[in-house]
Amino acid sequence: MQRCGINSFQLREDKDMQDALNAFTELSVKYQTAADGAEPVYKYR
């Protein structure tokens, strides 16, 4: 969501903010090209 322009999120009260922020680093590969210039995973084959 971050790569496609979503820049705000609303968490439920029972969710931890730090856990949500850490989730952005869980996936390091990109599946599609975008304006950020990151190489998509299929280019690594």
PDB file of N, CA and C in Angstrom:
ATOM      1  N   MET A   1       0.813  -1.192   0.000  1.00  0.00           N
ATOM      2  CA  MET A   1       0.000   0.000   0.000  1.00  0.00           C
ATOM      3  C   MET A   1       0.859   1.260   0.000  1.00  0.00           C
ATOM      4  N   GLN A   2       1.957   1.187   0.673  1.00  0.00           N
ATOM      5  CA  GLN A   2       2.834   2.354   0.751  1.00  0.00           C
ATOM      6  C   GLN A   2       3.375   2.734  -0.622  1.00  0.00           C
ATOM      7  N   ARG A   3       3.689   1.761  -1.464  1.00  0.00           N
ATOM      8  CA  ARG A   3       4.262   2.047  -2.781  1.00  0.00           C
ATOM      9  C   ARG A   3       3.234   2.596  -3.763  1.00  0.00           C
ATOM     10  N   CYS A   4       1.951   2.414  -3.506  1.00  0.00           N
ATOM     11  CA  CYS A   4       0.950   2.889  -4.467  1.00  0.00           C
ATOM     12  C   CYS A   4       0.291   4.191  -4.025  1.00  0.00           C
ATOM     13  N   GLY A   5       0.851   4.851  -3.028  1.00  0.00           N
ATOM     14  CA  GLY A   5       0.391   6.188  -2.695  1.00  0.00           C
ATOM     15  C   GLY A   5      -0.428   6.329  -1.427  1.00  0.00           C
ATOM     16  N   ILE A   6      -0.743   5.238  -0.760  1.00  0.00           N
ATOM     17  CA  ILE A   6      -1.478   5.360   0.501  1.00  0.00           C
ATOM     18  C   ILE A   6      -0.508   5.899   1.540  1.00  0.00           C
ATOM     19  N   ASN A   7      -0.848   7.020   2.136  1.00  0.00           N
ATOM     20  CA  ASN A   7       0.088   7.657   3.059  1.00  0.00           C
ATOM     21  C   ASN A   7      -0.474   7.864   4.456  1.00  0.00           C
ATOM     22  N   SER A   8      -1.611   7.254   4.749  1.00  0.00           N
ATOM     23  CA  SER A   8      -2.134   7.313   6.112  1.00  0.00           C
ATOM     24  C   SER A   8      -2.908   6.030   6.397  1.00  0.00           C
ATOM     25  N   PHE A   9      -2.888   5.644   7.644  1.00  0.00           N
ATOM     26  CA  PHE A   9      -3.536   4.413   8.078  1.00  0.00           C
ATOM     27  C   PHE A   9      -4.223   4.681   9.406  1.00  0.00           C
ATOM     28  N   GLN A  10      -5.300   3.973   9.645  1.00  0.00           N
ATOM     29  CA  GLN A  10      -5.957   4.067  10.938  1.00  0.00           C
ATOM     30  C   GLN A  10      -6.003   2.670  11.531  1.00  0.00           C
ATOM     31  N   LEU A  11      -5.407   2.521  12.698  1.00  0.00           N
ATOM     32  CA  LEU A  11      -5.375   1.227  13.365  1.00  0.00           C
ATOM     33  C   LEU A  11      -6.534   1.101  14.337  1.00  0.00           C
ATOM     34  N   ARG A  12      -6.976  -0.136  14.507  1.00  0.00           N
ATOM     35  CA  ARG A  12      -7.959  -0.387  15.555  1.00  0.00           C
ATOM     36  C   ARG A  12      -7.296  -0.148  16.907  1.00  0.00           C
ATOM     37  N   GLU A  13      -8.082   0.149  17.903  1.00  0.00           N
ATOM     38  CA  GLU A  13      -7.541   0.440  19.230  1.00  0.00           C
ATOM     39  C   GLU A  13      -6.795  -0.740  19.833  1.00  0.00           C
ATOM     40  N   ASP A  14      -7.146  -1.967  19.433  1.00  0.00           N
ATOM     41  CA  ASP A  14      -6.501  -3.144  20.017  1.00  0.00           C
ATOM     42  C   ASP A  14      -5.207  -3.528  19.299  1.00  0.00           C
ATOM     43  N   LYS A  15      -4.777  -2.748  18.313  1.00  0.00           N
ATOM     44  CA  LYS A  15      -3.544  -3.028  17.566  1.00  0.00           C
ATOM     45  C   LYS A  15      -2.414  -2.113  18.029  1.00  0.00           C
ATOM     46  N   ASP A  16      -1.193  -2.629  17.963  1.00  0.00           N
ATOM     47  CA  ASP A  16      -0.018  -1.887  18.406  1.00  0.00           C
ATOM     48  C   ASP A  16       0.593  -1.109  17.238  1.00  0.00           C
ATOM     49  N   MET A  17       0.844   0.162  17.446  1.00  0.00           N
ATOM     50  CA  MET A  17       1.388   1.025  16.396  1.00  0.00           C
ATOM     51  C   MET A  17       2.764   0.550  15.931  1.00  0.00           C
ATOM     52  N   GLN A  18       3.630   0.180  16.860  1.00  0.00           N
ATOM     53  CA  GLN A  18       4.974  -0.247  16.479  1.00  0.00           C
ATOM     54  C   GLN A  18       4.933  -1.537  15.663  1.00  0.00           C
ATOM     55  N   ASP A  19       4.044  -2.461  16.005  1.00  0.00           N
ATOM     56  CA  ASP A  19       3.889  -3.685  15.209  1.00  0.00           C
ATOM     57  C   ASP A  19       3.468  -3.349  13.781  1.00  0.00           C
ATOM     58  N   ALA A  20       2.569  -2.396  13.640  1.00  0.00           N
ATOM     59  CA  ALA A  20       2.109  -1.999  12.311  1.00  0.00           C
ATOM     60  C   ALA A  20       3.243  -1.375  11.507  1.00  0.00           C
ATOM     61  N   LEU A  21       4.038  -0.529  12.121  1.00  0.00           N
ATOM     62  CA  LEU A  21       5.167   0.092  11.423  1.00  0.00           C
ATOM     63  C   LEU A  21       6.225  -0.939  11.052  1.00  0.00           C
ATOM     64  N   ASN A  22       6.467  -1.898  11.927  1.00  0.00           N
ATOM     65  CA  ASN A  22       7.444  -2.951  11.639  1.00  0.00           C
ATOM     66  C   ASN A  22       7.004  -3.824  10.468  1.00  0.00           C
ATOM     67  N   ALA A  23       5.720  -3.933  10.236  1.00  0.00           N
ATOM     68  CA  ALA A  23       5.207  -4.766   9.145  1.00  0.00           C
ATOM     69  C   ALA A  23       5.689  -4.273   7.783  1.00  0.00           C
ATOM     70  N   PHE A  24       6.006  -2.991   7.657  1.00  0.00           N
ATOM     71  CA  PHE A  24       6.498  -2.471   6.381  1.00  0.00           C
ATOM     72  C   PHE A  24       7.841  -3.072   5.985  1.00  0.00           C
ATOM     73  N   THR A  25       8.589  -3.569   6.934  1.00  0.00           N
ATOM     74  CA  THR A  25       9.902  -4.139   6.629  1.00  0.00           C
ATOM     75  C   THR A  25       9.872  -5.651   6.473  1.00  0.00           C
ATOM     76  N   GLU A  26       8.727  -6.290   6.673  1.00  0.00           N
ATOM     77  CA  GLU A  26       8.647  -7.748   6.596  1.00  0.00           C
ATOM     78  C   GLU A  26       8.854  -8.270   5.182  1.00  0.00           C
ATOM     79  N   LEU A  27       8.420  -7.541   4.188  1.00  0.00           N
ATOM     80  CA  LEU A  27       8.577  -7.957   2.799  1.00  0.00           C
ATOM     81  C   LEU A  27       9.572  -7.031   2.119  1.00  0.00           C
ATOM     82  N   SER A  28      10.628  -7.618   1.584  1.00  0.00           N
ATOM     83  CA  SER A  28      11.651  -6.784   0.959  1.00  0.00           C
ATOM     84  C   SER A  28      11.611  -6.838  -0.567  1.00  0.00           C
ATOM     85  N   VAL A  29      10.834  -7.751  -1.145  1.00  0.00           N
ATOM     86  CA  VAL A  29      10.767  -7.857  -2.600  1.00  0.00           C
ATOM     87  C   VAL A  29       9.556  -7.103  -3.120  1.00  0.00           C
ATOM     88  N   LYS A  30       9.666  -6.631  -4.338  1.00  0.00           N
ATOM     89  CA  LYS A  30       8.565  -5.922  -5.003  1.00  0.00           C
ATOM     90  C   LYS A  30       8.047  -6.815  -6.123  1.00  0.00           C
ATOM     91  N   TYR A  31       6.747  -6.880  -6.302  1.00  0.00           N
ATOM     92  CA  TYR A  31       6.164  -7.755  -7.315  1.00  0.00           C
ATOM     93  C   TYR A  31       5.850  -7.042  -8.618  1.00  0.00           C
ATOM     94  N   GLN A  32       5.792  -5.719  -8.581  1.00  0.00           N
ATOM     95  CA  GLN A  32       5.492  -4.946  -9.781  1.00  0.00           C
ATOM     96  C   GLN A  32       6.426  -3.746  -9.854  1.00  0.00           C
ATOM     97  N   THR A  33       6.585  -3.228 -11.050  1.00  0.00           N
ATOM     98  CA  THR A  33       7.362  -2.001 -11.191  1.00  0.00           C
ATOM     99  C   THR A  33       6.550  -0.817 -10.683  1.00  0.00           C
ATOM    100  N   ALA A  34       7.238   0.242 -10.317  1.00  0.00           N
ATOM    101  CA  ALA A  34       6.575   1.457  -9.843  1.00  0.00           C
ATOM    102  C   ALA A  34       7.521   2.632 -10.066  1.00  0.00           C
ATOM    103  N   ALA A  35       7.060   3.807  -9.752  1.00  0.00           N
ATOM    104  CA  ALA A  35       7.851   5.014  -9.964  1.00  0.00           C
ATOM    105  C   ALA A  35       9.068   5.102  -9.050  1.00  0.00           C
ATOM    106  N   ASP A  36       9.127   4.282  -8.005  1.00  0.00           N
ATOM    107  CA  ASP A  36      10.270   4.354  -7.090  1.00  0.00           C
ATOM    108  C   ASP A  36      11.522   3.693  -7.649  1.00  0.00           C
ATOM    109  N   GLY A  37      11.421   3.024  -8.790  1.00  0.00           N
ATOM    110  CA  GLY A  37      12.581   2.438  -9.442  1.00  0.00           C
ATOM    111  C   GLY A  37      13.059   1.117  -8.872  1.00  0.00           C
ATOM    112  N   ALA A  38      12.369   0.575  -7.888  1.00  0.00           N
ATOM    113  CA  ALA A  38      12.768  -0.709  -7.303  1.00  0.00           C
ATOM    114  C   ALA A  38      12.587  -1.829  -8.331  1.00  0.00           C
ATOM    115  N   GLU A  39      13.538  -2.751  -8.378  1.00  0.00           N
ATOM    116  CA  GLU A  39      13.467  -3.874  -9.312  1.00  0.00           C
ATOM    117  C   GLU A  39      12.429  -4.887  -8.834  1.00  0.00           C
ATOM    118  N   PRO A  40      11.504  -5.295  -9.700  1.00  0.00           N
ATOM    119  CA  PRO A  40      10.531  -6.313  -9.312  1.00  0.00           C
ATOM    120  C   PRO A  40      11.199  -7.685  -9.211  1.00  0.00           C
ATOM    121  N   VAL A  41      10.604  -8.559  -8.439  1.00  0.00           N
ATOM    122  CA  VAL A  41      11.199  -9.860  -8.134  1.00  0.00           C
ATOM    123  C   VAL A  41      11.437 -10.702  -9.392  1.00  0.00           C
ATOM    124  N   TYR A  42      10.596 -10.588 -10.420  1.00  0.00           N
ATOM    125  CA  TYR A  42      10.782 -11.415 -11.613  1.00  0.00           C
ATOM    126  C   TYR A  42      12.059 -11.060 -12.380  1.00  0.00           C
ATOM    127  N   LYS A  43      12.611  -9.893 -12.157  1.00  0.00           N
ATOM    128  CA  LYS A  43      13.864  -9.510 -12.819  1.00  0.00           C
ATOM    129  C   LYS A  43      15.078 -10.227 -12.225  1.00  0.00           C
ATOM    130  N   TYR A  44      14.904 -10.832 -11.057  1.00  0.00           N
ATOM    131  CA  TYR A  44      16.005 -11.548 -10.411  1.00  0.00           C
ATOM    132  C   TYR A  44      16.154 -12.969 -10.924  1.00  0.00           C
ATOM    133  N   ARG A  45      15.249 -13.434 -11.757  1.00  0.00           N
ATOM    134  CA  ARG A  45      15.297 -14.816 -12.258  1.00  0.00           C
ATOM    135  C   ARG A  45      16.387 -14.986 -13.263  1.00  0.00           C
TER     136      ARG A  45
END
